[in-house]
């Protein structure tokens, strides 16, 4: 369910050494399955363990995951990165905003999942996002751009060289094209 790098495990062991005996960590998702989903890690003293928690053993500590967060933490990873500014824990949970869908799920569900777990996180750095408006009978995914993407001068490149290329490759034989239904109005919100 969750992988924790050796460096991050060693970091947790060091942090937990200053906590009361029996304290572990808790990995959780607030508002799982929504665009506002947020992942976090906290201390989990023995009296905070719930009966339905899932306990995952690591080197020197355990990670507790509440039952509601568990499906949204599939393929999650925690790492410790170090640079000239110091060390930082990074938690990546690609399924936090939308539960992973099966490979044989309906095409619309698989396209939505790709948008939420892969494409929107990439666009978020520019304050943008997309949503699927329609999936036509002849395999055209009609998208709506929002946020910083609306009115951006690079939206055509983003659509054709980025999003469409990724989606047609992933759904070869199922999708025939990806189009933009957005009426792009340039404004202060647009990313430059």
N, C-alpha and C. Protein backbone atom coordinates (compact mmCIF):
# COMPACT_ATOMS: atom_id res chain seq x y z
N UNK A 1 0.82 -1.20 0.00
CA UNK A 1 0.00 0.00 0.00
C UNK A 1 0.87 1.26 0.00
N UNK A 2 1.73 1.41 1.01
CA UNK A 2 2.59 2.59 1.12
C UNK A 2 4.04 2.11 1.15
N UNK A 3 4.86 2.74 0.34
CA UNK A 3 6.29 2.43 0.43
C UNK A 3 6.99 3.61 1.09
N UNK A 4 7.94 3.31 1.95
CA UNK A 4 8.71 4.35 2.64
C UNK A 4 10.18 4.03 2.37
N UNK A 5 10.88 4.99 1.79
CA UNK A 5 12.29 4.78 1.47
C UNK A 5 13.10 4.53 2.74
N UNK A 6 14.26 3.89 2.59
CA UNK A 6 15.11 3.62 3.76
C UNK A 6 15.51 4.91 4.47
N UNK A 7 15.80 5.96 3.68
CA UNK A 7 16.18 7.24 4.28
C UNK A 7 15.03 7.81 5.11
N UNK A 8 13.81 7.72 4.59
CA UNK A 8 12.64 8.22 5.32
C UNK A 8 12.37 7.36 6.56
N UNK A 9 12.56 6.04 6.45
CA UNK A 9 12.37 5.17 7.61
C UNK A 9 13.36 5.55 8.72
N UNK A 10 14.62 5.76 8.36
CA UNK A 10 15.63 6.15 9.35
C UNK A 10 15.25 7.49 9.99
N UNK A 11 14.72 8.41 9.19
CA UNK A 11 14.29 9.72 9.70
C UNK A 11 13.14 9.56 10.71
N UNK A 12 12.16 8.71 10.37
CA UNK A 12 11.05 8.47 11.29
C UNK A 12 11.54 7.85 12.60
N UNK A 13 12.47 6.90 12.51
CA UNK A 13 13.00 6.26 13.72
C UNK A 13 13.65 7.31 14.62
N UNK A 14 14.40 8.23 14.02
CA UNK A 14 15.05 9.29 14.77
C UNK A 14 14.01 10.22 15.42
N UNK A 15 12.98 10.59 14.68
CA UNK A 15 11.93 11.45 15.23
C UNK A 15 11.16 10.75 16.34
N UNK A 16 10.86 9.48 16.14
CA UNK A 16 10.08 8.72 17.13
C UNK A 16 10.85 8.45 18.42
N UNK A 17 12.18 8.52 18.37
CA UNK A 17 13.01 8.29 19.57
C UNK A 17 12.71 9.33 20.65
N UNK A 18 12.25 10.53 20.24
CA UNK A 18 11.94 11.60 21.19
C UNK A 18 10.48 11.58 21.65
N UNK A 19 9.71 10.59 21.18
CA UNK A 19 8.28 10.49 21.53
C UNK A 19 8.08 9.43 22.61
N UNK A 20 6.92 9.45 23.27
CA UNK A 20 6.63 8.43 24.29
C UNK A 20 6.71 7.01 23.70
N UNK A 21 7.05 6.08 24.56
CA UNK A 21 7.17 4.66 24.18
C UNK A 21 5.91 4.19 23.44
N UNK A 22 6.10 3.44 22.35
CA UNK A 22 4.97 2.86 21.62
C UNK A 22 4.35 3.77 20.57
N UNK A 23 4.91 4.99 20.40
CA UNK A 23 4.38 5.90 19.40
C UNK A 23 4.84 5.45 18.01
N UNK A 24 3.92 5.46 17.06
CA UNK A 24 4.22 5.15 15.67
C UNK A 24 3.84 6.35 14.82
N UNK A 25 3.71 6.16 13.52
CA UNK A 25 3.24 7.25 12.67
C UNK A 25 1.87 6.91 12.11
N UNK A 26 1.14 7.93 11.74
CA UNK A 26 -0.15 7.76 11.06
C UNK A 26 -0.03 8.45 9.70
N UNK A 27 -0.46 7.74 8.66
CA UNK A 27 -0.52 8.31 7.31
C UNK A 27 -2.01 8.41 6.98
N UNK A 28 -2.45 9.57 6.49
CA UNK A 28 -3.88 9.79 6.31
C UNK A 28 -4.16 10.66 5.11
N UNK A 29 -5.43 10.67 4.70
CA UNK A 29 -5.90 11.55 3.64
C UNK A 29 -7.12 12.29 4.18
N UNK A 30 -7.08 13.62 4.11
CA UNK A 30 -8.23 14.46 4.47
C UNK A 30 -9.02 14.69 3.18
N UNK A 31 -10.31 14.55 3.22
CA UNK A 31 -11.20 14.69 2.05
C UNK A 31 -10.79 13.75 0.91
N UNK A 32 -10.59 12.45 1.21
CA UNK A 32 -10.16 11.53 0.16
C UNK A 32 -11.18 11.43 -0.97
N UNK A 33 -10.66 11.27 -2.20
CA UNK A 33 -11.52 11.11 -3.35
C UNK A 33 -12.12 12.40 -3.88
N UNK A 34 -11.61 13.54 -3.40
CA UNK A 34 -12.11 14.84 -3.87
C UNK A 34 -10.93 15.65 -4.40
N UNK A 35 -11.19 16.67 -5.22
CA UNK A 35 -10.11 17.51 -5.71
C UNK A 35 -9.35 18.24 -4.58
N UNK A 36 -9.97 18.35 -3.39
CA UNK A 36 -9.34 19.02 -2.25
C UNK A 36 -8.55 18.06 -1.36
N UNK A 37 -8.40 16.82 -1.77
CA UNK A 37 -7.72 15.81 -0.94
C UNK A 37 -6.32 16.28 -0.55
N UNK A 38 -5.99 16.07 0.71
CA UNK A 38 -4.67 16.41 1.25
C UNK A 38 -4.15 15.22 2.03
N UNK A 39 -2.89 14.87 1.82
CA UNK A 39 -2.27 13.75 2.53
C UNK A 39 -1.40 14.29 3.65
N UNK A 40 -1.25 13.48 4.67
CA UNK A 40 -0.40 13.91 5.77
C UNK A 40 0.16 12.75 6.55
N UNK A 41 1.14 13.09 7.39
CA UNK A 41 1.78 12.13 8.29
C UNK A 41 1.83 12.80 9.66
N UNK A 42 1.49 12.04 10.70
CA UNK A 42 1.56 12.59 12.05
C UNK A 42 2.02 11.50 13.01
N UNK A 43 2.31 11.90 14.25
CA UNK A 43 2.61 10.91 15.28
C UNK A 43 1.31 10.19 15.64
N UNK A 44 1.45 8.93 16.02
CA UNK A 44 0.28 8.15 16.44
C UNK A 44 0.61 7.45 17.76
N UNK A 45 0.30 8.11 18.89
CA UNK A 45 0.55 7.47 20.18
C UNK A 45 -0.36 6.24 20.33
N UNK A 46 0.01 5.33 21.22
CA UNK A 46 -0.77 4.09 21.38
C UNK A 46 -2.26 4.32 21.64
N UNK A 47 -2.61 5.39 22.37
CA UNK A 47 -4.03 5.62 22.68
C UNK A 47 -4.82 6.21 21.50
N UNK A 48 -4.13 6.51 20.38
CA UNK A 48 -4.81 7.04 19.21
C UNK A 48 -5.06 5.98 18.14
N UNK A 49 -4.66 4.75 18.42
CA UNK A 49 -4.86 3.66 17.46
C UNK A 49 -6.33 3.24 17.51
N UNK A 50 -6.97 3.18 16.34
CA UNK A 50 -8.37 2.78 16.23
C UNK A 50 -8.45 1.28 15.92
N UNK A 51 -9.55 0.65 16.30
CA UNK A 51 -9.73 -0.79 16.11
C UNK A 51 -9.66 -1.20 14.64
N UNK A 52 -10.12 -0.32 13.73
CA UNK A 52 -10.13 -0.67 12.31
C UNK A 52 -8.90 -0.14 11.54
N UNK A 53 -7.91 0.38 12.25
CA UNK A 53 -6.68 0.84 11.60
C UNK A 53 -5.95 -0.32 10.93
N UNK A 54 -5.32 -0.02 9.82
CA UNK A 54 -4.45 -0.98 9.15
C UNK A 54 -3.04 -0.66 9.62
N UNK A 55 -2.34 -1.67 10.08
CA UNK A 55 -0.99 -1.48 10.62
C UNK A 55 0.02 -2.04 9.63
N UNK A 56 0.98 -1.21 9.22
CA UNK A 56 2.00 -1.64 8.27
C UNK A 56 3.35 -1.56 8.98
N UNK A 57 4.07 -2.67 9.00
CA UNK A 57 5.35 -2.72 9.71
C UNK A 57 6.49 -2.20 8.84
N UNK A 58 7.32 -1.38 9.46
CA UNK A 58 8.54 -0.88 8.82
C UNK A 58 9.70 -1.13 9.77
N UNK A 59 10.87 -0.68 9.39
CA UNK A 59 12.08 -0.93 10.15
C UNK A 59 12.15 -0.01 11.37
N UNK A 60 11.70 -0.51 12.54
CA UNK A 60 11.78 0.27 13.78
C UNK A 60 10.52 0.99 14.17
N UNK A 61 9.46 0.90 13.37
CA UNK A 61 8.19 1.56 13.70
C UNK A 61 7.10 0.96 12.81
N UNK A 62 5.86 1.30 13.14
CA UNK A 62 4.73 0.90 12.31
C UNK A 62 4.02 2.14 11.81
N UNK A 63 3.38 2.00 10.66
CA UNK A 63 2.54 3.08 10.11
C UNK A 63 1.09 2.65 10.25
N UNK A 64 0.27 3.52 10.80
CA UNK A 64 -1.16 3.26 10.95
C UNK A 64 -1.91 4.03 9.87
N UNK A 65 -2.88 3.36 9.27
CA UNK A 65 -3.71 3.97 8.23
C UNK A 65 -5.16 3.69 8.58
N UNK A 66 -5.97 4.74 8.62
CA UNK A 66 -7.39 4.53 8.91
C UNK A 66 -8.06 3.88 7.69
N UNK A 67 -9.12 3.14 7.98
CA UNK A 67 -9.81 2.37 6.95
C UNK A 67 -10.30 3.24 5.79
N UNK A 68 -10.76 4.46 6.10
CA UNK A 68 -11.29 5.36 5.07
C UNK A 68 -10.19 5.85 4.12
N UNK A 69 -8.99 6.08 4.65
CA UNK A 69 -7.87 6.58 3.81
C UNK A 69 -7.22 5.49 2.98
N UNK A 70 -7.29 4.24 3.44
CA UNK A 70 -6.52 3.15 2.83
C UNK A 70 -6.63 3.04 1.31
N UNK A 71 -7.84 3.02 0.72
CA UNK A 71 -7.90 2.86 -0.74
C UNK A 71 -7.27 4.02 -1.50
N UNK A 72 -7.20 5.18 -0.87
CA UNK A 72 -6.67 6.37 -1.53
C UNK A 72 -5.15 6.48 -1.35
N UNK A 73 -4.59 5.58 -0.54
CA UNK A 73 -3.14 5.56 -0.33
C UNK A 73 -2.47 4.41 -1.09
N UNK A 74 -3.21 3.74 -1.97
CA UNK A 74 -2.61 2.72 -2.83
C UNK A 74 -1.51 3.40 -3.65
N UNK A 75 -0.36 2.76 -3.73
CA UNK A 75 0.79 3.24 -4.50
C UNK A 75 1.40 4.53 -3.93
N UNK A 76 1.07 4.88 -2.69
CA UNK A 76 1.65 6.06 -2.06
C UNK A 76 3.10 5.78 -1.68
N UNK A 77 3.91 6.84 -1.67
CA UNK A 77 5.31 6.68 -1.28
C UNK A 77 5.76 7.87 -0.44
N UNK A 78 6.65 7.58 0.50
CA UNK A 78 7.22 8.63 1.34
C UNK A 78 8.73 8.53 1.18
N UNK A 79 9.36 9.67 0.93
CA UNK A 79 10.81 9.70 0.73
C UNK A 79 11.38 10.89 1.51
N UNK A 80 12.67 10.83 1.75
CA UNK A 80 13.37 11.95 2.39
C UNK A 80 14.35 12.48 1.36
N UNK A 81 14.15 13.71 0.94
CA UNK A 81 15.06 14.33 -0.03
C UNK A 81 15.93 15.35 0.69
N UNK A 82 17.17 15.40 0.28
CA UNK A 82 18.11 16.33 0.90
C UNK A 82 18.74 17.19 -0.18
N UNK A 83 18.80 18.49 0.07
CA UNK A 83 19.49 19.41 -0.84
C UNK A 83 20.23 20.44 0.01
N UNK A 84 20.72 21.49 -0.61
CA UNK A 84 21.52 22.48 0.11
C UNK A 84 20.72 23.21 1.19
N UNK A 85 19.40 23.17 1.11
CA UNK A 85 18.56 23.84 2.11
C UNK A 85 18.22 22.93 3.29
N UNK A 86 18.54 21.63 3.17
CA UNK A 86 18.25 20.70 4.25
C UNK A 86 17.47 19.49 3.74
N UNK A 87 16.80 18.82 4.67
CA UNK A 87 16.05 17.62 4.35
C UNK A 87 14.55 17.90 4.39
N UNK A 88 13.82 17.16 3.54
CA UNK A 88 12.37 17.33 3.50
C UNK A 88 11.72 16.00 3.19
N UNK A 89 10.69 15.68 3.96
CA UNK A 89 9.89 14.49 3.67
C UNK A 89 8.93 14.81 2.53
N UNK A 90 8.83 13.91 1.58
CA UNK A 90 7.86 14.08 0.50
C UNK A 90 6.91 12.90 0.51
N UNK A 91 5.64 13.19 0.44
CA UNK A 91 4.60 12.17 0.41
C UNK A 91 3.88 12.30 -0.92
N UNK A 92 3.94 11.24 -1.71
CA UNK A 92 3.25 11.23 -3.00
C UNK A 92 2.15 10.17 -2.92
N UNK A 93 0.94 10.60 -3.22
CA UNK A 93 -0.21 9.69 -3.18
C UNK A 93 -1.04 9.93 -4.45
N UNK A 94 -0.68 9.25 -5.54
CA UNK A 94 -1.36 9.52 -6.82
C UNK A 94 -2.84 9.20 -6.83
N UNK A 95 -3.32 8.43 -5.86
CA UNK A 95 -4.73 8.05 -5.84
C UNK A 95 -5.54 8.78 -4.78
N UNK A 96 -4.97 9.82 -4.16
CA UNK A 96 -5.65 10.52 -3.07
C UNK A 96 -6.91 11.25 -3.54
N UNK A 97 -6.85 11.87 -4.71
CA UNK A 97 -7.98 12.66 -5.19
C UNK A 97 -9.05 11.80 -5.86
N UNK A 98 -8.63 10.63 -6.32
CA UNK A 98 -9.58 9.73 -6.97
C UNK A 98 -9.08 8.31 -6.80
N UNK A 99 -9.92 7.44 -6.29
CA UNK A 99 -9.55 6.04 -6.09
C UNK A 99 -9.15 5.42 -7.42
N UNK A 100 -8.08 4.64 -7.39
CA UNK A 100 -7.60 3.98 -8.60
C UNK A 100 -8.72 3.13 -9.20
N UNK A 101 -8.83 3.18 -10.53
CA UNK A 101 -9.85 2.39 -11.21
C UNK A 101 -9.21 1.19 -11.89
N UNK A 102 -9.97 0.15 -12.05
CA UNK A 102 -9.47 -1.07 -12.67
C UNK A 102 -9.20 -0.86 -14.16
N UNK A 103 -8.30 -1.66 -14.71
CA UNK A 103 -7.96 -1.57 -16.13
C UNK A 103 -9.16 -1.86 -17.03
N UNK A 104 -10.14 -2.60 -16.52
CA UNK A 104 -11.31 -2.94 -17.34
C UNK A 104 -12.53 -2.06 -16.99
N UNK A 105 -12.29 -0.98 -16.25
CA UNK A 105 -13.37 -0.04 -15.93
C UNK A 105 -13.82 0.66 -17.21
N UNK A 106 -15.02 1.25 -17.21
CA UNK A 106 -15.47 2.00 -18.39
C UNK A 106 -14.45 3.08 -18.78
N UNK A 107 -14.36 3.36 -20.08
CA UNK A 107 -13.38 4.33 -20.59
C UNK A 107 -13.49 5.68 -19.88
N UNK A 108 -14.71 6.17 -19.66
CA UNK A 108 -14.89 7.46 -19.00
C UNK A 108 -14.21 7.48 -17.63
N UNK A 109 -14.38 6.39 -16.85
CA UNK A 109 -13.76 6.31 -15.52
C UNK A 109 -12.24 6.31 -15.62
N UNK A 110 -11.70 5.59 -16.59
CA UNK A 110 -10.24 5.52 -16.74
C UNK A 110 -9.67 6.86 -17.21
N UNK A 111 -10.40 7.58 -18.08
CA UNK A 111 -9.96 8.91 -18.53
C UNK A 111 -10.01 9.89 -17.36
N UNK A 112 -11.11 9.87 -16.59
CA UNK A 112 -11.24 10.74 -15.41
C UNK A 112 -10.09 10.49 -14.43
N UNK A 113 -9.78 9.21 -14.22
CA UNK A 113 -8.70 8.87 -13.29
C UNK A 113 -7.37 9.44 -13.79
N UNK A 114 -7.09 9.31 -15.07
CA UNK A 114 -5.84 9.84 -15.62
C UNK A 114 -5.78 11.36 -15.45
N UNK A 115 -6.90 12.02 -15.69
CA UNK A 115 -6.95 13.49 -15.55
C UNK A 115 -6.63 13.88 -14.10
N UNK A 116 -7.30 13.23 -13.13
CA UNK A 116 -7.12 13.60 -11.73
C UNK A 116 -5.76 13.20 -11.16
N UNK A 117 -5.25 12.04 -11.56
CA UNK A 117 -4.02 11.54 -10.93
C UNK A 117 -2.73 11.94 -11.66
N UNK A 118 -2.82 12.26 -12.96
CA UNK A 118 -1.61 12.57 -13.71
C UNK A 118 -1.59 13.96 -14.33
N UNK A 119 -2.65 14.30 -15.06
CA UNK A 119 -2.64 15.55 -15.83
C UNK A 119 -2.84 16.77 -14.95
N UNK A 120 -3.88 16.77 -14.09
CA UNK A 120 -4.12 17.95 -13.25
C UNK A 120 -2.97 18.27 -12.30
N UNK A 121 -2.30 17.27 -11.71
CA UNK A 121 -1.14 17.63 -10.88
C UNK A 121 -0.04 18.35 -11.69
N UNK A 122 0.11 18.01 -12.97
CA UNK A 122 1.10 18.69 -13.82
C UNK A 122 0.66 20.13 -14.10
N UNK A 123 -0.62 20.33 -14.37
CA UNK A 123 -1.14 21.66 -14.69
C UNK A 123 -1.23 22.56 -13.45
N UNK A 124 -1.29 21.94 -12.27
CA UNK A 124 -1.45 22.71 -11.04
C UNK A 124 -0.30 23.68 -10.80
N UNK A 125 0.89 23.35 -11.30
CA UNK A 125 2.04 24.25 -11.10
C UNK A 125 1.84 25.58 -11.82
N UNK A 126 0.92 25.62 -12.77
CA UNK A 126 0.60 26.85 -13.50
C UNK A 126 -0.76 27.38 -13.08
N UNK A 127 -1.32 26.79 -12.02
CA UNK A 127 -2.62 27.23 -11.53
C UNK A 127 -3.77 26.74 -12.40
N UNK A 128 -3.52 25.75 -13.25
CA UNK A 128 -4.57 25.28 -14.16
C UNK A 128 -5.08 23.90 -13.83
N UNK A 129 -6.14 23.52 -14.53
CA UNK A 129 -6.72 22.19 -14.42
C UNK A 129 -7.60 21.94 -15.63
N UNK A 130 -7.95 20.68 -15.85
CA UNK A 130 -8.90 20.34 -16.90
C UNK A 130 -9.96 19.42 -16.33
N UNK A 131 -11.08 19.36 -17.03
CA UNK A 131 -12.10 18.38 -16.68
C UNK A 131 -12.68 17.82 -17.97
N UNK A 132 -13.15 16.59 -17.89
CA UNK A 132 -13.75 15.92 -19.03
C UNK A 132 -15.20 16.37 -19.14
N UNK A 133 -15.55 16.99 -20.27
CA UNK A 133 -16.91 17.47 -20.49
C UNK A 133 -17.75 16.38 -21.14
N UNK A 134 -17.14 15.70 -22.11
CA UNK A 134 -17.89 14.71 -22.89
C UNK A 134 -16.94 13.69 -23.47
N UNK A 135 -17.44 12.50 -23.67
CA UNK A 135 -16.74 11.44 -24.37
C UNK A 135 -17.70 11.01 -25.48
N UNK A 136 -17.39 11.41 -26.73
CA UNK A 136 -18.33 11.15 -27.83
C UNK A 136 -18.31 9.68 -28.23
N UNK A 137 -19.34 9.29 -28.97
CA UNK A 137 -19.45 7.90 -29.43
C UNK A 137 -18.28 7.49 -30.33
N UNK A 138 -17.72 8.47 -31.06
CA UNK A 138 -16.60 8.14 -31.96
C UNK A 138 -15.24 8.33 -31.28
N UNK A 139 -15.23 8.36 -29.93
CA UNK A 139 -13.97 8.34 -29.19
C UNK A 139 -13.24 9.66 -29.04
N UNK A 140 -13.97 10.78 -29.07
CA UNK A 140 -13.34 12.08 -28.87
C UNK A 140 -13.57 12.52 -27.42
N UNK A 141 -12.46 12.81 -26.72
CA UNK A 141 -12.54 13.34 -25.36
C UNK A 141 -12.59 14.86 -25.45
N UNK A 142 -13.68 15.45 -25.00
CA UNK A 142 -13.85 16.89 -25.03
C UNK A 142 -13.51 17.42 -23.63
N UNK A 143 -12.50 18.29 -23.57
CA UNK A 143 -12.00 18.81 -22.29
C UNK A 143 -12.37 20.27 -22.10
N UNK A 144 -12.46 20.66 -20.84
CA UNK A 144 -12.66 22.06 -20.46
C UNK A 144 -11.45 22.48 -19.63
N UNK A 145 -10.74 23.50 -20.07
CA UNK A 145 -9.60 24.02 -19.32
C UNK A 145 -10.09 25.07 -18.34
N UNK A 146 -9.45 25.14 -17.17
CA UNK A 146 -9.83 26.13 -16.17
C UNK A 146 -8.60 26.67 -15.46
N UNK A 147 -8.84 27.64 -14.59
CA UNK A 147 -7.75 28.25 -13.84
C UNK A 147 -6.78 28.97 -14.76
N UNK A 148 -5.49 28.83 -14.49
CA UNK A 148 -4.45 29.50 -15.26
C UNK A 148 -4.35 29.05 -16.70
N UNK A 149 -4.97 27.92 -17.05
CA UNK A 149 -4.95 27.45 -18.44
C UNK A 149 -5.88 28.27 -19.33
N UNK A 150 -6.94 28.82 -18.74
CA UNK A 150 -7.91 29.57 -19.52
C UNK A 150 -7.29 30.89 -19.99
N UNK A 151 -7.12 31.02 -21.28
CA UNK A 151 -6.54 32.24 -21.85
C UNK A 151 -5.03 32.18 -22.00
N UNK A 152 -4.41 31.08 -21.61
CA UNK A 152 -2.95 30.94 -21.73
C UNK A 152 -2.55 30.80 -23.18
N UNK A 153 -1.50 31.47 -23.58
CA UNK A 153 -1.03 31.42 -24.97
C UNK A 153 -0.46 30.05 -25.34
N UNK A 154 -0.14 29.21 -24.36
CA UNK A 154 0.45 27.90 -24.63
C UNK A 154 -0.57 26.76 -24.58
N UNK A 155 -1.86 27.09 -24.47
CA UNK A 155 -2.87 26.05 -24.28
C UNK A 155 -2.92 25.06 -25.45
N UNK A 156 -2.73 25.54 -26.68
CA UNK A 156 -2.76 24.63 -27.84
C UNK A 156 -1.61 23.64 -27.78
N UNK A 157 -0.43 24.12 -27.39
CA UNK A 157 0.74 23.24 -27.27
C UNK A 157 0.51 22.23 -26.14
N UNK A 158 0.00 22.72 -25.02
CA UNK A 158 -0.29 21.84 -23.89
C UNK A 158 -1.27 20.75 -24.30
N UNK A 159 -2.30 21.13 -25.04
CA UNK A 159 -3.32 20.17 -25.46
C UNK A 159 -2.74 19.16 -26.46
N UNK A 160 -2.16 19.65 -27.55
CA UNK A 160 -1.72 18.75 -28.64
C UNK A 160 -0.46 17.96 -28.29
N UNK A 161 0.57 18.63 -27.78
CA UNK A 161 1.85 17.96 -27.54
C UNK A 161 1.92 17.29 -26.17
N UNK A 162 1.02 17.65 -25.29
CA UNK A 162 1.06 17.08 -23.95
C UNK A 162 -0.12 16.15 -23.69
N UNK A 163 -1.26 16.76 -23.41
CA UNK A 163 -2.44 16.00 -22.97
C UNK A 163 -2.92 15.02 -24.02
N UNK A 164 -3.13 15.50 -25.27
CA UNK A 164 -3.65 14.60 -26.31
C UNK A 164 -2.67 13.46 -26.57
N UNK A 165 -1.41 13.77 -26.65
CA UNK A 165 -0.40 12.73 -26.90
C UNK A 165 -0.44 11.66 -25.80
N UNK A 166 -0.47 12.08 -24.53
CA UNK A 166 -0.52 11.15 -23.41
C UNK A 166 -1.79 10.30 -23.44
N UNK A 167 -2.92 10.95 -23.68
CA UNK A 167 -4.20 10.24 -23.63
C UNK A 167 -4.36 9.27 -24.80
N UNK A 168 -3.96 9.68 -26.01
CA UNK A 168 -4.08 8.78 -27.16
C UNK A 168 -3.16 7.58 -27.01
N UNK A 169 -2.00 7.81 -26.42
CA UNK A 169 -1.07 6.70 -26.19
C UNK A 169 -1.64 5.73 -25.16
N UNK A 170 -2.17 6.26 -24.06
CA UNK A 170 -2.72 5.42 -23.00
C UNK A 170 -3.96 4.67 -23.45
N UNK A 171 -4.82 5.33 -24.24
CA UNK A 171 -6.10 4.73 -24.64
C UNK A 171 -6.13 4.46 -26.14
N UNK A 172 -5.02 3.96 -26.66
CA UNK A 172 -4.93 3.63 -28.09
C UNK A 172 -6.04 2.66 -28.47
N UNK A 173 -6.70 2.95 -29.58
CA UNK A 173 -7.79 2.10 -30.02
C UNK A 173 -9.13 2.43 -29.39
N UNK A 174 -9.12 3.28 -28.35
CA UNK A 174 -10.37 3.68 -27.69
C UNK A 174 -10.66 5.16 -27.90
N UNK A 175 -9.64 6.00 -27.77
CA UNK A 175 -9.79 7.43 -28.03
C UNK A 175 -9.25 7.74 -29.43
N UNK A 176 -9.95 8.61 -30.14
CA UNK A 176 -9.50 8.99 -31.49
C UNK A 176 -8.95 10.41 -31.52
N UNK A 177 -9.38 11.26 -30.59
CA UNK A 177 -8.91 12.65 -30.55
C UNK A 177 -9.24 13.24 -29.18
N UNK A 178 -8.57 14.37 -28.90
CA UNK A 178 -8.84 15.13 -27.68
C UNK A 178 -9.02 16.57 -28.12
N UNK A 179 -10.16 17.18 -27.76
CA UNK A 179 -10.43 18.55 -28.18
C UNK A 179 -10.70 19.43 -26.96
N UNK A 180 -10.66 20.73 -27.21
CA UNK A 180 -10.83 21.74 -26.17
C UNK A 180 -12.14 22.48 -26.39
N UNK A 181 -13.03 22.44 -25.43
CA UNK A 181 -14.32 23.13 -25.53
C UNK A 181 -14.27 24.51 -24.88
N UNK A 182 -13.10 24.91 -24.37
CA UNK A 182 -12.98 26.15 -23.60
C UNK A 182 -13.02 27.37 -24.51
N UNK A 183 -13.77 28.39 -24.10
CA UNK A 183 -13.74 29.69 -24.75
C UNK A 183 -12.67 30.49 -24.00
N UNK A 184 -11.46 30.51 -24.55
CA UNK A 184 -10.33 31.10 -23.83
C UNK A 184 -10.39 32.62 -23.84
N UNK A 185 -10.60 33.17 -22.66
CA UNK A 185 -10.59 34.61 -22.47
C UNK A 185 -9.34 34.97 -21.70
N UNK A 186 -8.43 35.70 -22.33
CA UNK A 186 -7.20 36.10 -21.65
C UNK A 186 -7.54 37.06 -20.51
N UNK A 187 -6.92 36.83 -19.37
CA UNK A 187 -7.19 37.71 -18.25
C UNK A 187 -6.05 37.64 -17.24
N UNK A 188 -6.24 38.30 -16.10
CA UNK A 188 -5.20 38.30 -15.07
C UNK A 188 -4.93 36.92 -14.51
N UNK A 189 -5.91 36.01 -14.59
CA UNK A 189 -5.75 34.66 -14.09
C UNK A 189 -4.85 33.81 -14.98
N UNK A 190 -4.66 34.20 -16.23
CA UNK A 190 -3.94 33.37 -17.19
C UNK A 190 -2.47 33.28 -16.86
N UNK A 191 -1.91 32.09 -17.04
CA UNK A 191 -0.50 31.87 -16.81
C UNK A 191 0.28 32.37 -18.01
N UNK A 192 1.35 33.10 -17.79
CA UNK A 192 2.14 33.65 -18.90
C UNK A 192 3.50 33.00 -18.92
